[in-house]
Amino acid sequence: RALFGSLPYHDYTFILHLTDGRGGGLEHR
C-alpha cells in the first residue's frame, strides 16, 4: 500500500491451502 499510495479494493481474502508438497498461487481482483 505504501508503494502505490492506497489499497485498490474494499476488502481482501487470502485463501491458503496447506498441502503435502504442492505449491503455487493465483491472483484475483
Full PDB file with SEQRES, HELIX, SHEET, SSBOND, CRYST1, ORIGX, SCALE, CONECT and MASTER records, all heavy atoms in Angstrom:
SEQRES   1 A   29  ARG ALA LEU PHE GLY SER LEU PRO TYR HIS ASP TYR THR          
SEQRES   2 A   29  PHE ILE LEU HIS LEU THR ASP GLY ARG GLY GLY GLY LEU          
SEQRES   3 A   29  GLU HIS ARG                                                  
CRYST1    1.000    1.000    1.000  90.00  90.00  90.00 P 1           1          
ORIGX1      1.000000  0.000000  0.000000        0.00000                         
ORIGX2      0.000000  1.000000  0.000000        0.00000                         
ORIGX3      0.000000  0.000000  1.000000        0.00000                         
SCALE1      1.000000  0.000000  0.000000        0.00000                         
SCALE2      0.000000  1.000000  0.000000        0.00000                         
SCALE3      0.000000  0.000000  1.000000        0.00000                         
ATOM      1  N   ARG A   1       0.833  -1.215   0.000  1.00  0.00           N  
ATOM      2  CA  ARG A   1       0.000   0.000   0.000  1.00  0.00           C  
ATOM      3  C   ARG A   1       0.860   1.253   0.000  1.00  0.00           C  
ATOM      4  O   ARG A   1       0.568   2.238  -0.700  1.00  0.00           O  
ATOM      5  CB  ARG A   1      -0.927  -0.015   1.202  1.00  0.00           C  
ATOM      6  CG  ARG A   1      -1.845   1.203   1.274  1.00  0.00           C  
ATOM      7  CD  ARG A   1      -1.347   2.242   2.283  1.00  0.00           C  
ATOM      8  NE  ARG A   1      -1.563   1.798   3.633  1.00  0.00           N  
ATOM      9  CZ  ARG A   1      -0.670   1.912   4.613  1.00  0.00           C  
ATOM     10  NH1 ARG A   1       0.548   2.400   4.356  1.00  0.00           N  
ATOM     11  NH2 ARG A   1      -0.955   1.513   5.835  1.00  0.00           N  
ATOM     12  N   ALA A   2       1.968   1.231   0.729  1.00  0.00           N  
ATOM     13  CA  ALA A   2       2.858   2.387   0.764  1.00  0.00           C  
ATOM     14  C   ALA A   2       3.475   2.657  -0.605  1.00  0.00           C  
ATOM     15  O   ALA A   2       3.671   3.809  -0.996  1.00  0.00           O  
ATOM     16  CB  ALA A   2       3.955   2.170   1.805  1.00  0.00           C  
ATOM     17  N   LEU A   3       3.786   1.625  -1.355  1.00  0.00           N  
ATOM     18  CA  LEU A   3       4.367   1.805  -2.681  1.00  0.00           C  
ATOM     19  C   LEU A   3       3.384   2.491  -3.627  1.00  0.00           C  
ATOM     20  O   LEU A   3       3.741   3.435  -4.343  1.00  0.00           O  
ATOM     21  CB  LEU A   3       4.793   0.451  -3.265  1.00  0.00           C  
ATOM     22  CG  LEU A   3       5.301   0.474  -4.708  1.00  0.00           C  
ATOM     23  CD1 LEU A   3       6.587   1.280  -4.824  1.00  0.00           C  
ATOM     24  CD2 LEU A   3       5.513  -0.929  -5.238  1.00  0.00           C  
ATOM     25  N   PHE A   4       2.133   2.024  -3.645  1.00  0.00           N  
ATOM     26  CA  PHE A   4       1.157   2.552  -4.606  1.00  0.00           C  
ATOM     27  C   PHE A   4       0.340   3.726  -4.057  1.00  0.00           C  
ATOM     28  O   PHE A   4      -0.303   4.440  -4.829  1.00  0.00           O  
ATOM     29  CB  PHE A   4       0.212   1.437  -5.056  1.00  0.00           C  
ATOM     30  CG  PHE A   4       0.840   0.487  -6.036  1.00  0.00           C  
ATOM     31  CD1 PHE A   4       1.350  -0.734  -5.621  1.00  0.00           C  
ATOM     32  CD2 PHE A   4       0.938   0.818  -7.374  1.00  0.00           C  
ATOM     33  CE1 PHE A   4       1.926  -1.615  -6.531  1.00  0.00           C  
ATOM     34  CE2 PHE A   4       1.514  -0.048  -8.288  1.00  0.00           C  
ATOM     35  CZ  PHE A   4       2.014  -1.266  -7.864  1.00  0.00           C  
ATOM     36  N   GLY A   5       0.329   3.906  -2.748  1.00  0.00           N  
ATOM     37  CA  GLY A   5      -0.371   5.050  -2.163  1.00  0.00           C  
ATOM     38  C   GLY A   5      -1.716   4.743  -1.553  1.00  0.00           C  
ATOM     39  O   GLY A   5      -2.189   5.492  -0.702  1.00  0.00           O  
ATOM     40  N   SER A   6      -2.356   3.652  -1.968  1.00  0.00           N  
ATOM     41  CA  SER A   6      -3.660   3.287  -1.413  1.00  0.00           C  
ATOM     42  C   SER A   6      -3.969   1.849  -1.774  1.00  0.00           C  
ATOM     43  O   SER A   6      -3.325   1.254  -2.642  1.00  0.00           O  
ATOM     44  CB  SER A   6      -4.760   4.211  -1.944  1.00  0.00           C  
ATOM     45  OG  SER A   6      -4.893   4.060  -3.349  1.00  0.00           O  
ATOM     46  N   LEU A   7      -4.956   1.288  -1.103  1.00  0.00           N  
ATOM     47  CA  LEU A   7      -5.421  -0.055  -1.419  1.00  0.00           C  
ATOM     48  C   LEU A   7      -6.493   0.024  -2.497  1.00  0.00           C  
ATOM     49  O   LEU A   7      -7.379   0.874  -2.431  1.00  0.00           O  
ATOM     50  CB  LEU A   7      -5.986  -0.740  -0.166  1.00  0.00           C  
ATOM     51  CG  LEU A   7      -4.975  -0.976   0.967  1.00  0.00           C  
ATOM     52  CD1 LEU A   7      -5.676  -1.515   2.207  1.00  0.00           C  
ATOM     53  CD2 LEU A   7      -3.878  -1.940   0.519  1.00  0.00           C  
ATOM     54  N   PRO A   8      -6.454  -0.875  -3.486  1.00  0.00           N  
ATOM     55  CA  PRO A   8      -7.370  -0.749  -4.620  1.00  0.00           C  
ATOM     56  C   PRO A   8      -8.678  -1.524  -4.465  1.00  0.00           C  
ATOM     57  O   PRO A   8      -9.451  -1.613  -5.419  1.00  0.00           O  
ATOM     58  CB  PRO A   8      -6.544  -1.337  -5.768  1.00  0.00           C  
ATOM     59  CG  PRO A   8      -5.742  -2.415  -5.116  1.00  0.00           C  
ATOM     60  CD  PRO A   8      -5.427  -1.900  -3.723  1.00  0.00           C  
ATOM     61  N   TYR A   9      -8.929  -2.095  -3.294  1.00  0.00           N  
ATOM     62  CA  TYR A   9     -10.092  -2.950  -3.099  1.00  0.00           C  
ATOM     63  C   TYR A   9     -10.816  -2.553  -1.821  1.00  0.00           C  
ATOM     64  O   TYR A   9     -10.252  -1.875  -0.956  1.00  0.00           O  
ATOM     65  CB  TYR A   9      -9.664  -4.425  -3.042  1.00  0.00           C  
ATOM     66  CG  TYR A   9      -8.424  -4.661  -2.199  1.00  0.00           C  
ATOM     67  CD1 TYR A   9      -8.463  -4.622  -0.799  1.00  0.00           C  
ATOM     68  CD2 TYR A   9      -7.184  -4.905  -2.789  1.00  0.00           C  
ATOM     69  CE1 TYR A   9      -7.323  -4.817  -0.035  1.00  0.00           C  
ATOM     70  CE2 TYR A   9      -6.043  -5.105  -2.025  1.00  0.00           C  
ATOM     71  CZ  TYR A   9      -6.120  -5.075  -0.649  1.00  0.00           C  
ATOM     72  OH  TYR A   9      -4.992  -5.256   0.105  1.00  0.00           O  
ATOM     73  N   HIS A  10     -12.068  -3.003  -1.683  1.00  0.00           N  
ATOM     74  CA  HIS A  10     -12.857  -2.706  -0.490  1.00  0.00           C  
ATOM     75  C   HIS A  10     -12.676  -3.754   0.595  1.00  0.00           C  
ATOM     76  O   HIS A  10     -12.989  -3.528   1.765  1.00  0.00           O  
ATOM     77  CB  HIS A  10     -14.338  -2.558  -0.837  1.00  0.00           C  
ATOM     78  CG  HIS A  10     -14.902  -3.722  -1.610  1.00  0.00           C  
ATOM     79  ND1 HIS A  10     -15.223  -4.927  -1.008  1.00  0.00           N  
ATOM     80  CD2 HIS A  10     -15.182  -3.873  -2.929  1.00  0.00           C  
ATOM     81  CE1 HIS A  10     -15.684  -5.765  -1.923  1.00  0.00           C  
ATOM     82  NE2 HIS A  10     -15.666  -5.150  -3.096  1.00  0.00           N  
ATOM     83  N   ASP A  11     -12.187  -4.930   0.233  1.00  0.00           N  
ATOM     84  CA  ASP A  11     -11.795  -5.966   1.190  1.00  0.00           C  
ATOM     85  C   ASP A  11     -10.930  -6.967   0.437  1.00  0.00           C  
ATOM     86  O   ASP A  11     -10.879  -6.957  -0.799  1.00  0.00           O  
ATOM     87  CB  ASP A  11     -13.009  -6.651   1.836  1.00  0.00           C  
ATOM     88  CG  ASP A  11     -13.896  -7.343   0.821  1.00  0.00           C  
ATOM     89  OD1 ASP A  11     -13.469  -8.361   0.253  1.00  0.00           O  
ATOM     90  OD2 ASP A  11     -15.031  -6.869   0.583  1.00  0.00           O  
ATOM     91  N   TYR A  12     -10.236  -7.828   1.179  1.00  0.00           N  
ATOM     92  CA  TYR A  12      -9.328  -8.770   0.528  1.00  0.00           C  
ATOM     93  C   TYR A  12      -9.351 -10.093   1.279  1.00  0.00           C  
ATOM     94  O   TYR A  12      -9.363 -10.119   2.527  1.00  0.00           O  
ATOM     95  CB  TYR A  12      -7.904  -8.232   0.486  1.00  0.00           C  
ATOM     96  CG  TYR A  12      -7.017  -8.955  -0.505  1.00  0.00           C  
ATOM     97  CD1 TYR A  12      -6.914  -8.503  -1.819  1.00  0.00           C  
ATOM     98  CD2 TYR A  12      -6.305 -10.095  -0.144  1.00  0.00           C  
ATOM     99  CE1 TYR A  12      -6.124  -9.171  -2.749  1.00  0.00           C  
ATOM    100  CE2 TYR A  12      -5.510 -10.766  -1.064  1.00  0.00           C  
ATOM    101  CZ  TYR A  12      -5.425 -10.302  -2.361  1.00  0.00           C  
ATOM    102  OH  TYR A  12      -4.649 -10.968  -3.280  1.00  0.00           O  
ATOM    103  N   THR A  13      -9.338 -11.189   0.494  1.00  0.00           N  
ATOM    104  CA  THR A  13      -9.371 -12.534   1.063  1.00  0.00           C  
ATOM    105  C   THR A  13      -8.169 -13.332   0.571  1.00  0.00           C  
ATOM    106  O   THR A  13      -7.969 -13.488  -0.638  1.00  0.00           O  
ATOM    107  CB  THR A  13     -10.661 -13.262   0.672  1.00  0.00           C  
ATOM    108  OG1 THR A  13     -11.791 -12.533   1.173  1.00  0.00           O  
ATOM    109  CG2 THR A  13     -10.682 -14.680   1.244  1.00  0.00           C  
ATOM    110  N   PHE A  14      -7.361 -13.828   1.511  1.00  0.00           N  
ATOM    111  CA  PHE A  14      -6.304 -14.790   1.195  1.00  0.00           C  
ATOM    112  C   PHE A  14      -6.855 -16.186   1.479  1.00  0.00           C  
ATOM    113  O   PHE A  14      -7.222 -16.477   2.620  1.00  0.00           O  
ATOM    114  CB  PHE A  14      -5.069 -14.575   2.072  1.00  0.00           C  
ATOM    115  CG  PHE A  14      -4.379 -13.252   1.892  1.00  0.00           C  
ATOM    116  CD1 PHE A  14      -4.708 -12.169   2.702  1.00  0.00           C  
ATOM    117  CD2 PHE A  14      -3.383 -13.090   0.949  1.00  0.00           C  
ATOM    118  CE1 PHE A  14      -4.059 -10.953   2.566  1.00  0.00           C  
ATOM    119  CE2 PHE A  14      -2.718 -11.879   0.811  1.00  0.00           C  
ATOM    120  CZ  PHE A  14      -3.059 -10.801   1.615  1.00  0.00           C  
ATOM    121  N   ILE A  15      -6.953 -17.030   0.462  1.00  0.00           N  
ATOM    122  CA  ILE A  15      -7.283 -18.436   0.669  1.00  0.00           C  
ATOM    123  C   ILE A  15      -5.971 -19.199   0.693  1.00  0.00           C  
ATOM    124  O   ILE A  15      -5.207 -19.174  -0.275  1.00  0.00           O  
ATOM    125  CB  ILE A  15      -8.205 -18.963  -0.445  1.00  0.00           C  
ATOM    126  CG1 ILE A  15      -9.541 -18.214  -0.427  1.00  0.00           C  
ATOM    127  CG2 ILE A  15      -8.440 -20.459  -0.284  1.00  0.00           C  
ATOM    128  CD1 ILE A  15     -10.469 -18.571  -1.577  1.00  0.00           C  
ATOM    129  N   LEU A  16      -5.691 -19.854   1.797  1.00  0.00           N  
ATOM    130  CA  LEU A  16      -4.405 -20.529   1.998  1.00  0.00           C  
ATOM    131  C   LEU A  16      -4.641 -22.024   2.163  1.00  0.00           C  
ATOM    132  O   LEU A  16      -5.296 -22.456   3.119  1.00  0.00           O  
ATOM    133  CB  LEU A  16      -3.690 -19.957   3.221  1.00  0.00           C  
ATOM    134  CG  LEU A  16      -2.347 -20.582   3.595  1.00  0.00           C  
ATOM    135  CD1 LEU A  16      -1.345 -20.465   2.452  1.00  0.00           C  
ATOM    136  CD2 LEU A  16      -1.788 -19.936   4.861  1.00  0.00           C  
ATOM    137  N   HIS A  17      -4.112 -22.813   1.237  1.00  0.00           N  
ATOM    138  CA  HIS A  17      -4.208 -24.265   1.306  1.00  0.00           C  
ATOM    139  C   HIS A  17      -2.875 -24.836   1.774  1.00  0.00           C  
ATOM    140  O   HIS A  17      -1.834 -24.578   1.154  1.00  0.00           O  
ATOM    141  CB  HIS A  17      -4.551 -24.846  -0.073  1.00  0.00           C  
ATOM    142  CG  HIS A  17      -5.945 -24.549  -0.516  1.00  0.00           C  
ATOM    143  ND1 HIS A  17      -6.372 -24.715  -1.829  1.00  0.00           N  
ATOM    144  CD2 HIS A  17      -7.027 -24.096   0.167  1.00  0.00           C  
ATOM    145  CE1 HIS A  17      -7.647 -24.385  -1.910  1.00  0.00           C  
ATOM    146  NE2 HIS A  17      -8.063 -24.001  -0.731  1.00  0.00           N  
ATOM    147  N   LEU A  18      -2.898 -25.594   2.847  1.00  0.00           N  
ATOM    148  CA  LEU A  18      -1.711 -26.268   3.367  1.00  0.00           C  
ATOM    149  C   LEU A  18      -1.765 -27.719   2.911  1.00  0.00           C  
ATOM    150  O   LEU A  18      -2.685 -28.457   3.274  1.00  0.00           O  
ATOM    151  CB  LEU A  18      -1.662 -26.178   4.893  1.00  0.00           C  
ATOM    152  CG  LEU A  18      -1.760 -24.762   5.477  1.00  0.00           C  
ATOM    153  CD1 LEU A  18      -1.585 -24.804   6.993  1.00  0.00           C  
ATOM    154  CD2 LEU A  18      -0.747 -23.831   4.848  1.00  0.00           C  
ATOM    155  N   THR A  19      -0.804 -28.118   2.097  1.00  0.00           N  
ATOM    156  CA  THR A  19      -0.857 -29.412   1.426  1.00  0.00           C  
ATOM    157  C   THR A  19       0.427 -30.194   1.670  1.00  0.00           C  
ATOM    158  O   THR A  19       1.321 -29.746   2.386  1.00  0.00           O  
ATOM    159  CB  THR A  19      -1.059 -29.224  -0.089  1.00  0.00           C  
ATOM    160  OG1 THR A  19       0.112 -28.608  -0.649  1.00  0.00           O  
ATOM    161  CG2 THR A  19      -2.271 -28.343  -0.377  1.00  0.00           C  
ATOM    162  N   ASP A  20       0.512 -31.339   1.037  1.00  0.00           N  
ATOM    163  CA  ASP A  20       1.688 -32.200   1.177  1.00  0.00           C  
ATOM    164  C   ASP A  20       2.588 -32.037  -0.037  1.00  0.00           C  
ATOM    165  O   ASP A  20       2.561 -32.830  -0.976  1.00  0.00           O  
ATOM    166  CB  ASP A  20       1.260 -33.657   1.325  1.00  0.00           C  
ATOM    167  CG  ASP A  20       0.467 -33.884   2.597  1.00  0.00           C  
ATOM    168  OD1 ASP A  20       0.913 -33.422   3.656  1.00  0.00           O  
ATOM    169  OD2 ASP A  20      -0.606 -34.519   2.523  1.00  0.00           O  
ATOM    170  N   GLY A  21       3.360 -30.971  -0.055  1.00  0.00           N  
ATOM    171  CA  GLY A  21       4.378 -30.782  -1.081  1.00  0.00           C  
ATOM    172  C   GLY A  21       3.982 -29.927  -2.256  1.00  0.00           C  
ATOM    173  O   GLY A  21       4.827 -29.444  -2.988  1.00  0.00           O  
ATOM    174  N   ARG A  22       2.692 -29.735  -2.498  1.00  0.00           N  
ATOM    175  CA  ARG A  22       2.286 -28.942  -3.652  1.00  0.00           C  
ATOM    176  C   ARG A  22       2.348 -27.457  -3.325  1.00  0.00           C  
ATOM    177  O   ARG A  22       2.249 -27.051  -2.173  1.00  0.00           O  
ATOM    178  CB  ARG A  22       0.863 -29.308  -4.071  1.00  0.00           C  
ATOM    179  CG  ARG A  22       0.711 -30.766  -4.461  1.00  0.00           C  
ATOM    180  CD  ARG A  22      -0.696 -31.043  -4.958  1.00  0.00           C  
ATOM    181  NE  ARG A  22      -1.228 -32.255  -4.362  1.00  0.00           N  
ATOM    182  CZ  ARG A  22      -2.370 -32.816  -4.717  1.00  0.00           C  
ATOM    183  NH1 ARG A  22      -3.098 -32.259  -5.654  1.00  0.00           N  
ATOM    184  NH2 ARG A  22      -2.780 -33.910  -4.126  1.00  0.00           N  
ATOM    185  N   GLY A  23       2.491 -26.640  -4.381  1.00  0.00           N  
ATOM    186  CA  GLY A  23       2.573 -25.210  -4.156  1.00  0.00           C  
ATOM    187  C   GLY A  23       2.109 -24.427  -5.359  1.00  0.00           C  
ATOM    188  O   GLY A  23       1.907 -24.969  -6.443  1.00  0.00           O  
ATOM    189  N   GLY A  24       1.947 -23.126  -5.155  1.00  0.00           N  
ATOM    190  CA  GLY A  24       1.556 -22.240  -6.243  1.00  0.00           C  
ATOM    191  C   GLY A  24       0.650 -21.142  -5.746  1.00  0.00           C  
ATOM    192  O   GLY A  24       0.225 -21.123  -4.585  1.00  0.00           O  
ATOM    193  N   GLY A  25       0.357 -20.209  -6.621  1.00  0.00           N  
ATOM    194  CA  GLY A  25      -0.528 -19.110  -6.269  1.00  0.00           C  
ATOM    195  C   GLY A  25      -1.258 -18.614  -7.500  1.00  0.00           C  
ATOM    196  O   GLY A  25      -0.771 -18.768  -8.629  1.00  0.00           O  
ATOM    197  N   LEU A  26      -2.412 -18.018  -7.295  1.00  0.00           N  
ATOM    198  CA  LEU A  26      -3.165 -17.422  -8.398  1.00  0.00           C  
ATOM    199  C   LEU A  26      -3.862 -16.187  -7.883  1.00  0.00           C  
ATOM    200  O   LEU A  26      -4.564 -16.225  -6.863  1.00  0.00           O  
ATOM    201  CB  LEU A  26      -4.184 -18.398  -8.984  1.00  0.00           C  
ATOM    202  CG  LEU A  26      -4.868 -17.932 -10.277  1.00  0.00           C  
ATOM    203  CD1 LEU A  26      -3.846 -17.774 -11.406  1.00  0.00           C  
ATOM    204  CD2 LEU A  26      -5.967 -18.895 -10.688  1.00  0.00           C  
ATOM    205  N   GLU A  27      -3.651 -15.081  -8.605  1.00  0.00           N  
ATOM    206  CA  GLU A  27      -4.186 -13.791  -8.197  1.00  0.00           C  
ATOM    207  C   GLU A  27      -5.623 -13.592  -8.664  1.00  0.00           C  
ATOM    208  O   GLU A  27      -6.040 -14.136  -9.684  1.00  0.00           O  
ATOM    209  CB  GLU A  27      -3.314 -12.669  -8.768  1.00  0.00           C  
ATOM    210  CG  GLU A  27      -3.447 -12.452 -10.273  1.00  0.00           C  
ATOM    211  CD  GLU A  27      -2.582 -13.357 -11.124  1.00  0.00           C  
ATOM    212  OE1 GLU A  27      -1.921 -14.248 -10.568  1.00  0.00           O  
ATOM    213  OE2 GLU A  27      -2.582 -13.179 -12.372  1.00  0.00           O  
ATOM    214  N   HIS A  28      -6.347 -12.767  -7.893  1.00  0.00           N  
ATOM    215  CA  HIS A  28      -7.700 -12.360  -8.247  1.00  0.00           C  
ATOM    216  C   HIS A  28      -7.873 -10.909  -7.829  1.00  0.00           C  
ATOM    217  O   HIS A  28      -7.021 -10.336  -7.151  1.00  0.00           O  
ATOM    218  CB  HIS A  28      -8.724 -13.258  -7.579  1.00  0.00           C  
ATOM    219  CG  HIS A  28      -8.563 -14.705  -7.947  1.00  0.00           C  
ATOM    220  ND1 HIS A  28      -9.030 -15.231  -9.123  1.00  0.00           N  
ATOM    221  CD2 HIS A  28      -7.932 -15.727  -7.299  1.00  0.00           C  
ATOM    222  CE1 HIS A  28      -8.718 -16.511  -9.193  1.00  0.00           C  
ATOM    223  NE2 HIS A  28      -8.041 -16.836  -8.103  1.00  0.00           N  
ATOM    224  N   ARG A  29      -8.980 -10.283  -8.240  1.00  0.00           N  
ATOM    225  CA  ARG A  29      -9.088  -8.832  -8.069  1.00  0.00           C  
ATOM    226  C   ARG A  29      -9.121  -8.400  -6.612  1.00  0.00           C  
ATOM    227  O   ARG A  29      -8.591  -7.339  -6.275  1.00  0.00           O  
ATOM    228  CB  ARG A  29     -10.298  -8.285  -8.830  1.00  0.00           C  
ATOM    229  CG  ARG A  29     -11.650  -8.811  -8.384  1.00  0.00           C  
ATOM    230  CD  ARG A  29     -12.762  -8.190  -9.227  1.00  0.00           C  
ATOM    231  NE  ARG A  29     -12.672  -8.610 -10.620  1.00  0.00           N  
ATOM    232  CZ  ARG A  29     -13.439  -8.102 -11.592  1.00  0.00           C  
ATOM    233  NH1 ARG A  29     -14.328  -7.168 -11.321  1.00  0.00           N  
ATOM    234  NH2 ARG A  29     -13.316  -8.536 -12.840  1.00  0.00           N  
TER     235      ARG A  29                                                      
MASTER        0    0    0    0    0    0    0    6  234    1    0    3          
END                                                                             
